[in-house]
Amino acid sequence: MKTVLNVIWLVLSGFWLFLAYMAAGLLLCVTIIGIPFGIAAFRIGVYALWPFGYTTVERSDAGAPSCVGNVLWLVLAGWWLALGHIATGLALCITIIGIPLGVANFKLIPVSLLPLGRDIVRTDEPFAVR
């Protein structure tokens, strides 16, 4: 079932989200200061391409630099991304077929708000201590 949902997601919105996050990641990697943010955008883009069967977990080794980076990300880009995922998720939830896709968009909100200090893991693997 995850594969079917991922294929429908890929066609309807995943591919476009992937391209947008990749373009943003490339722009962010132009400066040395933006490289961590660019890497975070690449990670979110891959997650947005194929979200069913994956989830995010917080890393236990993320420290103060991740916190400062998340504050900068939240102020500069995170809340815009979250609003976009909310609007898209609500639009997808209008139809019965789109409800799982809307829920997947809502699942992307936490990682789009605060991406640093998070890992994307498979849901069927046991969670290792991170």
Protein backbone atom coordinates (compact mmCIF):
# COMPACT_ATOMS: atom_id res chain seq x y z
CA MET A 1 0.00 0.00 0.00
CA LYS A 2 2.91 2.36 0.74
CA THR A 3 4.17 1.93 -2.80
CA VAL A 4 0.79 2.79 -4.34
CA LEU A 5 0.48 5.89 -2.15
CA ASN A 6 4.05 6.92 -2.96
CA VAL A 7 3.41 6.62 -6.72
CA ILE A 8 0.21 8.68 -6.49
CA TRP A 9 2.05 11.19 -4.29
CA LEU A 10 4.95 11.35 -6.75
CA VAL A 11 2.65 12.17 -9.65
CA LEU A 12 0.42 14.69 -7.86
CA SER A 13 2.83 16.66 -5.70
CA GLY A 14 5.99 14.82 -4.69
CA PHE A 15 7.96 15.49 -7.85
CA TRP A 16 7.26 19.23 -7.75
CA LEU A 17 8.10 19.46 -4.05
CA PHE A 18 11.31 17.55 -4.73
CA LEU A 19 12.32 19.95 -7.50
CA ALA A 20 11.52 23.00 -5.36
CA TYR A 21 13.55 21.74 -2.41
CA MET A 22 16.46 20.79 -4.70
CA ALA A 23 16.47 24.25 -6.30
CA ALA A 24 16.39 25.89 -2.87
CA GLY A 25 19.21 23.61 -1.70
CA LEU A 26 21.37 24.58 -4.66
CA LEU A 27 20.79 28.26 -4.01
CA LEU A 28 21.59 27.84 -0.32
CA CYS A 29 24.83 26.01 -1.08
CA VAL A 30 26.20 29.01 -3.00
CA THR A 31 27.60 30.50 0.21
CA ILE A 32 29.58 28.66 2.87
CA ILE A 33 27.18 29.79 5.60
CA GLY A 34 24.22 28.39 3.66
CA ILE A 35 25.66 24.88 3.13
CA PRO A 36 24.07 23.31 6.26
CA PHE A 37 20.73 24.77 5.21
CA GLY A 38 21.22 23.50 1.66
CA ILE A 39 21.94 20.00 2.93
CA ALA A 40 18.79 20.19 5.07
CA ALA A 41 16.80 21.24 1.98
CA PHE A 42 18.22 18.27 0.03
CA ARG A 43 17.21 15.91 2.85
CA ILE A 44 13.69 17.32 2.99
CA GLY A 45 13.45 17.12 -0.81
CA VAL A 46 14.26 13.41 -0.85
CA TYR A 47 11.78 12.86 1.99
CA ALA A 48 9.14 14.85 0.07
CA LEU A 49 9.75 12.70 -3.02
CA TRP A 50 8.82 9.40 -1.32
CA PRO A 51 7.29 10.10 2.16
CA PHE A 52 5.22 6.98 2.84
CA GLY A 53 7.19 4.45 4.85
CA TYR A 54 9.52 7.06 6.36
CA THR A 55 9.40 9.31 9.39
CA THR A 56 11.63 11.81 11.13
CA VAL A 57 13.31 11.41 14.50
CA GLU A 58 15.29 13.90 16.51
CA ARG A 59 19.00 13.26 16.81
CA SER A 60 20.29 13.04 20.36
CA ASP A 61 23.69 14.44 19.35
CA ALA A 62 22.26 17.67 17.88
CA GLY A 63 23.56 20.57 19.92
CA ALA A 64 23.50 24.32 20.08
CA PRO A 65 24.50 24.90 16.42
CA SER A 66 21.41 22.95 15.31
CA CYS A 67 19.25 25.02 17.63
CA VAL A 68 20.65 28.33 16.33
CA GLY A 69 20.35 27.08 12.74
CA ASN A 70 16.74 26.03 13.33
CA VAL A 71 15.87 29.47 14.69
CA LEU A 72 17.37 31.10 11.59
CA TRP A 73 15.62 28.59 9.31
CA LEU A 74 12.28 29.11 11.09
CA VAL A 75 12.45 32.89 10.78
CA LEU A 76 13.71 33.01 7.18
CA ALA A 77 12.05 30.04 5.47
CA GLY A 78 10.44 27.54 7.81
CA TRP A 79 7.15 29.22 8.47
CA TRP A 80 6.62 29.89 4.74
CA LEU A 81 7.23 26.22 3.99
CA ALA A 82 4.88 25.16 6.80
CA LEU A 83 2.13 27.43 5.48
CA GLY A 84 2.60 25.95 2.01
CA HIS A 85 2.35 22.40 3.35
CA ILE A 86 -0.77 23.32 5.36
CA ALA A 87 -2.48 24.89 2.33
CA THR A 88 -1.56 21.98 0.07
CA GLY A 89 -2.58 19.44 2.70
CA LEU A 90 -5.98 21.07 3.16
CA ALA A 91 -6.51 21.20 -0.60
CA LEU A 92 -5.63 17.51 -0.94
CA CYS A 93 -7.96 16.55 1.91
CA ILE A 94 -10.99 17.81 -0.02
CA THR A 95 -11.34 14.46 -1.80
CA ILE A 96 -11.36 11.03 -0.16
CA ILE A 97 -8.50 9.83 -2.36
CA GLY A 98 -6.44 12.87 -1.43
CA ILE A 99 -6.77 12.46 2.36
CA PRO A 100 -3.66 10.23 2.75
CA LEU A 101 -1.74 12.67 0.55
CA GLY A 102 -2.91 15.59 2.68
CA VAL A 103 -1.82 13.75 5.81
CA ALA A 104 1.61 13.20 4.20
CA ASN A 105 1.82 16.95 3.59
CA PHE A 106 0.99 17.57 7.25
CA LYS A 107 3.71 15.06 8.17
CA LEU A 108 6.24 17.27 6.33
CA ILE A 109 5.43 20.33 8.47
CA PRO A 110 7.67 19.56 11.49
CA VAL A 111 10.71 18.83 9.33
CA SER A 112 10.06 21.89 7.17
CA LEU A 113 9.87 24.08 10.29
CA LEU A 114 12.91 22.74 12.14
CA PRO A 115 15.02 20.51 9.85
CA LEU A 116 18.39 20.62 11.57
CA GLY A 117 19.02 17.92 14.17
CA ARG A 118 16.59 15.45 12.59
CA ASP A 119 17.11 12.19 10.72
CA ILE A 120 14.77 10.56 8.24
CA VAL A 121 14.35 6.85 8.97
CA ARG A 122 12.24 4.00 7.66
CA THR A 123 9.13 3.26 9.71
CA ASP A 124 9.60 -0.51 9.53
CA GLU A 125 13.10 -0.46 11.07
CA PRO A 126 13.52 -0.43 14.82
CA PHE A 127 14.59 2.95 16.13
CA ALA A 128 18.20 2.93 17.18
CA VAL A 129 19.39 5.29 19.85
CA ARG A 130 20.62 8.34 17.98
